[in-house]
Amino acid sequence: MQEPAKVIWVYDVISPFAYLSFPRISRLSLDVTVEPKPVLFAALLDHFGQLGPAEIAPKRRFTYRFALWRARQLGLPMRFPPAHPFNPLAALRLIIAAGNDLRAAGIVLDAVFRDGRDVSAPGVIADLARELAVHDPPAALGDPAVKQRLRENTDWASARGIFGVPTLVIGEEMFWGQDGLDMGLDYLAHPEAFADPMMRSADTLPMGVSRKRTP
């Protein structure tokens, strides 16, 4: 019997698009092996010298409005937390301490973007820890092994060239964003369709001009 395909889902709970992707990722796990990999998005931004969408004022407004529009199109309830961006470290560590599975990811993502809760607040983390059966949250979140796992996940992602979240990794290919999920699922079903000359030419397309960066 052939082993089920394996995909890696790279995400940060700071991303509304991780929340929007989650229902399909959860359903996907019925057919393939899904490895959820929480990372710190801010560290990926630093690694690649990027600004986050929320750091560019007009892009920030559009991104939030687009996420709300997309949620309505998908029939998902959505409410932003009191402030965004927020510090996601405690929530990411809690997911890892709770077993680093899809259930833990879903509970925390729902808290942030379905219920609009502030997961940077210790009281909210304590509530979620009870739901996830994580005893003594301060000790669990301060566990060096938990912290190291998050660092290793983030280092792995940056080394693979993953520049944003959520990203679906299938073999050597990666598919970024909630709107890239369909492309990833199509690749999973028909990888040969992505090996034609036109697709391969995108890998080596020359740059005609390089923009100078202000120091």
C-alpha atoms as a PDB file:
ATOM      1  CA  MET A   1       0.000   0.000   0.000  1.00  0.00           C
ATOM      2  CA  GLN A   2       1.347   3.412  -0.963  1.00  0.00           C
ATOM      3  CA  GLU A   3       2.034   5.759   1.926  1.00  0.00           C
ATOM      4  CA  PRO A   4      -0.086   8.923   1.986  1.00  0.00           C
ATOM      5  CA  ALA A   5       1.549  12.066   0.665  1.00  0.00           C
ATOM      6  CA  LYS A   6       3.024  14.430   3.230  1.00  0.00           C
ATOM      7  CA  VAL A   7       2.699  18.199   3.256  1.00  0.00           C
ATOM      8  CA  ILE A   8       4.037  20.760   5.700  1.00  0.00           C
ATOM      9  CA  TRP A   9       1.842  23.699   6.665  1.00  0.00           C
ATOM     10  CA  VAL A  10       3.953  26.662   7.805  1.00  0.00           C
ATOM     11  CA  TYR A  11       1.982  29.315   9.684  1.00  0.00           C
ATOM     12  CA  ASP A  12       1.939  31.991  12.355  1.00  0.00           C
ATOM     13  CA  VAL A  13      -1.182  32.773  14.383  1.00  0.00           C
ATOM     14  CA  ILE A  14      -0.617  36.454  13.605  1.00  0.00           C
ATOM     15  CA  SER A  15      -1.805  35.808  10.031  1.00  0.00           C
ATOM     16  CA  PRO A  16      -5.526  36.152   9.289  1.00  0.00           C
ATOM     17  CA  PHE A  17      -4.872  34.090   6.170  1.00  0.00           C
ATOM     18  CA  ALA A  18      -3.706  31.178   8.306  1.00  0.00           C
ATOM     19  CA  TYR A  19      -7.132  31.287   9.956  1.00  0.00           C
ATOM     20  CA  LEU A  20      -8.844  31.442   6.564  1.00  0.00           C
ATOM     21  CA  SER A  21      -6.762  28.511   5.287  1.00  0.00           C
ATOM     22  CA  PHE A  22      -7.232  26.316   8.312  1.00  0.00           C
ATOM     23  CA  PRO A  23     -10.592  24.667   7.464  1.00  0.00           C
ATOM     24  CA  ARG A  24      -9.228  23.365   4.162  1.00  0.00           C
ATOM     25  CA  ILE A  25      -5.939  22.320   5.744  1.00  0.00           C
ATOM     26  CA  SER A  26      -7.906  20.425   8.379  1.00  0.00           C
ATOM     27  CA  ARG A  27      -9.960  18.635   5.707  1.00  0.00           C
ATOM     28  CA  LEU A  28      -6.802  17.931   3.726  1.00  0.00           C
ATOM     29  CA  SER A  29      -5.443  16.032   6.715  1.00  0.00           C
ATOM     30  CA  LEU A  30      -8.063  13.328   6.061  1.00  0.00           C
ATOM     31  CA  ASP A  31      -6.320  12.382   2.809  1.00  0.00           C
ATOM     32  CA  VAL A  32      -2.656  13.255   3.323  1.00  0.00           C
ATOM     33  CA  THR A  33      -0.277  13.604   6.242  1.00  0.00           C
ATOM     34  CA  VAL A  34      -0.174  17.249   7.305  1.00  0.00           C
ATOM     35  CA  GLU A  35       2.670  18.443   9.504  1.00  0.00           C
ATOM     36  CA  PRO A  36       1.811  21.816  11.051  1.00  0.00           C
ATOM     37  CA  LYS A  37       4.890  23.963  11.582  1.00  0.00           C
ATOM     38  CA  PRO A  38       4.373  27.167  13.594  1.00  0.00           C
ATOM     39  CA  VAL A  39       6.978  29.863  12.934  1.00  0.00           C
ATOM     40  CA  LEU A  40       7.624  33.468  13.941  1.00  0.00           C
ATOM     41  CA  PHE A  41       6.652  35.524  10.897  1.00  0.00           C
ATOM     42  CA  ALA A  42       8.538  38.597  12.137  1.00  0.00           C
ATOM     43  CA  ALA A  43      11.793  36.626  12.009  1.00  0.00           C
ATOM     44  CA  LEU A  44      11.120  35.659   8.379  1.00  0.00           C
ATOM     45  CA  LEU A  45      10.544  39.327   7.549  1.00  0.00           C
ATOM     46  CA  ASP A  46      13.850  40.224   9.198  1.00  0.00           C
ATOM     47  CA  HIS A  47      15.673  37.418   7.392  1.00  0.00           C
ATOM     48  CA  PHE A  48      14.543  38.604   3.963  1.00  0.00           C
ATOM     49  CA  GLY A  49      14.611  42.333   4.737  1.00  0.00           C
ATOM     50  CA  GLN A  50      10.884  42.774   4.170  1.00  0.00           C
ATOM     51  CA  LEU A  51       8.228  44.960   5.701  1.00  0.00           C
ATOM     52  CA  GLY A  52       5.091  43.201   6.869  1.00  0.00           C
ATOM     53  CA  PRO A  53       1.742  44.124   5.298  1.00  0.00           C
ATOM     54  CA  ALA A  54       0.756  45.942   8.500  1.00  0.00           C
ATOM     55  CA  GLU A  55       3.849  48.153   8.293  1.00  0.00           C
ATOM     56  CA  ILE A  56       2.705  49.849   5.069  1.00  0.00           C
ATOM     57  CA  ALA A  57      -0.358  51.949   5.919  1.00  0.00           C
ATOM     58  CA  PRO A  58      -2.404  51.601   2.700  1.00  0.00           C
ATOM     59  CA  LYS A  59      -1.481  47.922   2.392  1.00  0.00           C
ATOM     60  CA  ARG A  60      -2.510  47.394   6.014  1.00  0.00           C
ATOM     61  CA  ARG A  61      -6.005  48.739   5.392  1.00  0.00           C
ATOM     62  CA  PHE A  62      -6.436  46.724   2.211  1.00  0.00           C
ATOM     63  CA  THR A  63      -5.120  43.520   3.808  1.00  0.00           C
ATOM     64  CA  TYR A  64      -7.547  43.683   6.723  1.00  0.00           C
ATOM     65  CA  ARG A  65     -10.495  44.531   4.471  1.00  0.00           C
ATOM     66  CA  PHE A  66      -9.538  41.776   2.046  1.00  0.00           C
ATOM     67  CA  ALA A  67      -9.313  39.239   4.872  1.00  0.00           C
ATOM     68  CA  LEU A  68     -12.792  40.210   6.096  1.00  0.00           C
ATOM     69  CA  TRP A  69     -14.175  40.063   2.557  1.00  0.00           C
ATOM     70  CA  ARG A  70     -12.580  36.668   1.983  1.00  0.00           C
ATOM     71  CA  ALA A  71     -14.035  35.353   5.252  1.00  0.00           C
ATOM     72  CA  ARG A  72     -17.508  36.417   4.122  1.00  0.00           C
ATOM     73  CA  GLN A  73     -16.991  34.713   0.761  1.00  0.00           C
ATOM     74  CA  LEU A  74     -15.954  31.518   2.562  1.00  0.00           C
ATOM     75  CA  GLY A  75     -18.787  31.720   5.080  1.00  0.00           C
ATOM     76  CA  LEU A  76     -16.394  31.953   8.024  1.00  0.00           C
ATOM     77  CA  PRO A  77     -17.017  34.142  11.063  1.00  0.00           C
ATOM     78  CA  MET A  78     -14.203  36.634  11.527  1.00  0.00           C
ATOM     79  CA  ARG A  79     -13.363  39.283  14.087  1.00  0.00           C
ATOM     80  CA  PHE A  80      -9.975  40.922  14.421  1.00  0.00           C
ATOM     81  CA  PRO A  81      -8.309  41.030  17.852  1.00  0.00           C
ATOM     82  CA  PRO A  82      -8.150  44.355  19.732  1.00  0.00           C
ATOM     83  CA  ALA A  83      -4.835  45.259  18.067  1.00  0.00           C
ATOM     84  CA  HIS A  84      -2.950  43.894  15.107  1.00  0.00           C
ATOM     85  CA  PRO A  85      -0.136  43.065  14.699  1.00  0.00           C
ATOM     86  CA  PHE A  86       0.377  41.673  18.187  1.00  0.00           C
ATOM     87  CA  ASN A  87       3.068  39.629  19.878  1.00  0.00           C
ATOM     88  CA  PRO A  88       2.317  35.966  18.976  1.00  0.00           C
ATOM     89  CA  LEU A  89       5.172  34.336  20.891  1.00  0.00           C
ATOM     90  CA  ALA A  90       3.150  33.038  23.832  1.00  0.00           C
ATOM     91  CA  ALA A  91       0.461  31.632  21.550  1.00  0.00           C
ATOM     92  CA  LEU A  92       2.997  29.904  19.288  1.00  0.00           C
ATOM     93  CA  ARG A  93       4.788  28.384  22.252  1.00  0.00           C
ATOM     94  CA  LEU A  94       1.466  27.250  23.705  1.00  0.00           C
ATOM     95  CA  ILE A  95       0.655  25.368  20.494  1.00  0.00           C
ATOM     96  CA  ILE A  96       4.009  23.594  20.667  1.00  0.00           C
ATOM     97  CA  ALA A  97       3.599  22.812  24.367  1.00  0.00           C
ATOM     98  CA  ALA A  98       0.138  21.386  23.620  1.00  0.00           C
ATOM     99  CA  GLY A  99       1.540  18.860  21.148  1.00  0.00           C
ATOM    100  CA  ASN A 100       2.006  20.962  18.027  1.00  0.00           C
ATOM    101  CA  ASP A 101      -0.956  19.404  16.236  1.00  0.00           C
ATOM    102  CA  LEU A 102      -3.746  20.775  14.063  1.00  0.00           C
ATOM    103  CA  ARG A 103      -6.217  20.768  16.942  1.00  0.00           C
ATOM    104  CA  ALA A 104      -4.036  23.139  18.968  1.00  0.00           C
ATOM    105  CA  ALA A 105      -3.470  25.360  15.942  1.00  0.00           C
ATOM    106  CA  GLY A 106      -7.186  25.538  15.240  1.00  0.00           C
ATOM    107  CA  ILE A 107      -8.121  26.405  18.813  1.00  0.00           C
ATOM    108  CA  VAL A 108      -5.639  29.282  18.948  1.00  0.00           C
ATOM    109  CA  LEU A 109      -6.468  30.593  15.464  1.00  0.00           C
ATOM    110  CA  ASP A 110     -10.172  30.549  16.351  1.00  0.00           C
ATOM    111  CA  ALA A 111      -9.453  32.496  19.506  1.00  0.00           C
ATOM    112  CA  VAL A 112      -7.621  35.193  17.550  1.00  0.00           C
ATOM    113  CA  PHE A 113      -9.708  35.616  14.411  1.00  0.00           C
ATOM    114  CA  ARG A 114     -13.096  34.057  15.150  1.00  0.00           C
ATOM    115  CA  ASP A 115     -13.477  35.374  18.682  1.00  0.00           C
ATOM    116  CA  GLY A 116     -11.202  38.435  18.408  1.00  0.00           C
ATOM    117  CA  ARG A 117      -9.221  37.642  21.572  1.00  0.00           C
ATOM    118  CA  ASP A 118      -5.851  39.102  22.487  1.00  0.00           C
ATOM    119  CA  VAL A 119      -3.535  36.116  22.763  1.00  0.00           C
ATOM    120  CA  SER A 120      -0.703  38.328  23.950  1.00  0.00           C
ATOM    121  CA  ALA A 121      -2.654  38.711  27.223  1.00  0.00           C
ATOM    122  CA  PRO A 122      -1.683  36.237  29.993  1.00  0.00           C
ATOM    123  CA  GLY A 123      -5.311  35.696  30.978  1.00  0.00           C
ATOM    124  CA  VAL A 124      -6.275  34.624  27.464  1.00  0.00           C
ATOM    125  CA  ILE A 125      -3.274  32.311  27.284  1.00  0.00           C
ATOM    126  CA  ALA A 126      -4.314  30.801  30.624  1.00  0.00           C
ATOM    127  CA  ASP A 127      -7.827  30.149  29.281  1.00  0.00           C
ATOM    128  CA  LEU A 128      -6.480  28.517  26.129  1.00  0.00           C
ATOM    129  CA  ALA A 129      -3.988  26.473  28.143  1.00  0.00           C
ATOM    130  CA  ARG A 130      -6.866  25.001  30.150  1.00  0.00           C
ATOM    131  CA  GLU A 131      -8.708  24.127  26.942  1.00  0.00           C
ATOM    132  CA  LEU A 132      -5.556  22.494  25.570  1.00  0.00           C
ATOM    133  CA  ALA A 133      -4.777  20.677  28.858  1.00  0.00           C
ATOM    134  CA  VAL A 134      -1.474  22.504  29.294  1.00  0.00           C
ATOM    135  CA  HIS A 135      -0.826  22.679  33.030  1.00  0.00           C
ATOM    136  CA  ASP A 136       1.246  25.497  34.503  1.00  0.00           C
ATOM    137  CA  PRO A 137       1.366  27.680  31.358  1.00  0.00           C
ATOM    138  CA  PRO A 138       4.262  29.896  32.520  1.00  0.00           C
ATOM    139  CA  ALA A 139       6.457  26.838  32.994  1.00  0.00           C
ATOM    140  CA  ALA A 140       5.330  25.239  29.738  1.00  0.00           C
ATOM    141  CA  LEU A 141       5.894  28.414  27.703  1.00  0.00           C
ATOM    142  CA  GLY A 142       9.244  28.998  29.373  1.00  0.00           C
ATOM    143  CA  ASP A 143      10.450  25.451  28.695  1.00  0.00           C
ATOM    144  CA  PRO A 144      13.765  25.735  26.774  1.00  0.00           C
ATOM    145  CA  ALA A 145      12.739  22.808  24.556  1.00  0.00           C
ATOM    146  CA  VAL A 146       9.544  24.613  23.513  1.00  0.00           C
ATOM    147  CA  LYS A 147      11.439  27.810  22.738  1.00  0.00           C
ATOM    148  CA  GLN A 148      14.064  25.876  20.799  1.00  0.00           C
ATOM    149  CA  ARG A 149      11.421  24.090  18.727  1.00  0.00           C
ATOM    150  CA  LEU A 150       9.977  27.407  17.606  1.00  0.00           C
ATOM    151  CA  ARG A 151      13.435  28.740  16.734  1.00  0.00           C
ATOM    152  CA  GLU A 152      14.247  25.588  14.782  1.00  0.00           C
ATOM    153  CA  ASN A 153      10.955  25.771  12.889  1.00  0.00           C
ATOM    154  CA  THR A 154      11.629  29.391  11.944  1.00  0.00           C
ATOM    155  CA  ASP A 155      15.247  28.725  10.967  1.00  0.00           C
ATOM    156  CA  TRP A 156      14.108  25.783   8.837  1.00  0.00           C
ATOM    157  CA  ALA A 157      11.549  27.949   7.090  1.00  0.00           C
ATOM    158  CA  SER A 158      13.980  30.768   6.305  1.00  0.00           C
ATOM    159  CA  ALA A 159      16.586  28.269   5.076  1.00  0.00           C
ATOM    160  CA  ARG A 160      13.961  26.792   2.725  1.00  0.00           C
ATOM    161  CA  GLY A 161      13.237  30.236   1.306  1.00  0.00           C
ATOM    162  CA  ILE A 162       9.828  30.556   2.925  1.00  0.00           C
ATOM    163  CA  PHE A 163       9.178  34.279   3.046  1.00  0.00           C
ATOM    164  CA  GLY A 164       5.560  34.466   4.178  1.00  0.00           C
ATOM    165  CA  VAL A 165       2.764  32.702   6.008  1.00  0.00           C
ATOM    166  CA  PRO A 166       0.841  30.571   5.570  1.00  0.00           C
ATOM    167  CA  THR A 167       2.879  28.458   3.170  1.00  0.00           C
ATOM    168  CA  LEU A 168       2.159  24.904   2.081  1.00  0.00           C
ATOM    169  CA  VAL A 169       5.320  22.873   1.406  1.00  0.00           C
ATOM    170  CA  ILE A 170       5.016  19.839  -0.838  1.00  0.00           C
ATOM    171  CA  GLY A 171       8.322  18.145  -1.545  1.00  0.00           C
ATOM    172  CA  GLU A 172      10.637  20.838  -2.886  1.00  0.00           C
ATOM    173  CA  GLU A 173       7.811  23.203  -3.844  1.00  0.00           C
ATOM    174  CA  MET A 174       6.100  25.838  -1.730  1.00  0.00           C
ATOM    175  CA  PHE A 175       2.766  27.603  -2.159  1.00  0.00           C
ATOM    176  CA  TRP A 176       2.312  30.875  -0.328  1.00  0.00           C
ATOM    177  CA  GLY A 177      -0.845  32.413   1.036  1.00  0.00           C
ATOM    178  CA  GLN A 178      -4.465  31.430   1.384  1.00  0.00           C
ATOM    179  CA  ASP A 179      -4.945  32.260  -2.279  1.00  0.00           C
ATOM    180  CA  GLY A 180      -2.034  29.955  -3.199  1.00  0.00           C
ATOM    181  CA  LEU A 181      -3.670  26.981  -1.513  1.00  0.00           C
ATOM    182  CA  ASP A 182      -5.592  25.951  -4.629  1.00  0.00           C
ATOM    183  CA  MET A 183      -2.339  25.937  -6.585  1.00  0.00           C
ATOM    184  CA  GLY A 184      -0.741  23.712  -3.957  1.00  0.00           C
ATOM    185  CA  LEU A 185      -3.642  21.274  -3.985  1.00  0.00           C
ATOM    186  CA  ASP A 186      -3.538  21.169  -7.784  1.00  0.00           C
ATOM    187  CA  TYR A 187       0.186  20.423  -7.615  1.00  0.00           C
ATOM    188  CA  LEU A 188      -0.485  17.660  -5.099  1.00  0.00           C
ATOM    189  CA  ALA A 189      -2.927  16.037  -7.516  1.00  0.00           C
ATOM    190  CA  HIS A 190      -1.116  16.788 -10.792  1.00  0.00           C
ATOM    191  CA  PRO A 191       2.587  17.544 -10.237  1.00  0.00           C
ATOM    192  CA  GLU A 192       3.375  16.820 -13.886  1.00  0.00           C
ATOM    193  CA  ALA A 193       1.367  19.885 -14.930  1.00  0.00           C
ATOM    194  CA  PHE A 194       3.963  22.071 -13.212  1.00  0.00           C
ATOM    195  CA  ALA A 195       6.929  20.610 -15.109  1.00  0.00           C
ATOM    196  CA  ASP A 196       6.221  21.987 -18.591  1.00  0.00           C
ATOM    197  CA  PRO A 197       8.738  24.323 -20.289  1.00  0.00           C
ATOM    198  CA  MET A 198       6.775  27.481 -19.478  1.00  0.00           C
ATOM    199  CA  MET A 199       6.685  26.674 -15.763  1.00  0.00           C
ATOM    200  CA  ARG A 200      10.378  25.737 -15.745  1.00  0.00           C
ATOM    201  CA  SER A 201      11.298  28.976 -17.503  1.00  0.00           C
ATOM    202  CA  ALA A 202      10.003  30.932 -14.518  1.00  0.00           C
ATOM    203  CA  ASP A 203      12.889  29.519 -12.467  1.00  0.00           C
ATOM    204  CA  THR A 204      15.525  31.190 -14.638  1.00  0.00           C
ATOM    205  CA  LEU A 205      13.758  34.302 -15.944  1.00  0.00           C
ATOM    206  CA  PRO A 206      16.414  37.072 -15.968  1.00  0.00           C
ATOM    207  CA  MET A 207      15.968  40.342 -14.040  1.00  0.00           C
ATOM    208  CA  GLY A 208      15.893  43.283 -16.439  1.00  0.00           C
ATOM    209  CA  VAL A 209      16.521  45.899 -13.759  1.00  0.00           C
ATOM    210  CA  SER A 210      17.400  45.916 -10.075  1.00  0.00           C
ATOM    211  CA  ARG A 211      15.949  48.609  -7.814  1.00  0.00           C
ATOM    212  CA  LYS A 212      18.470  50.441  -5.651  1.00  0.00           C
ATOM    213  CA  ARG A 213      17.738  50.341  -1.945  1.00  0.00           C
ATOM    214  CA  THR A 214      18.091  53.371   0.246  1.00  0.00           C
ATOM    215  CA  PRO A 215      20.627  52.642   2.984  1.00  0.00           C
END
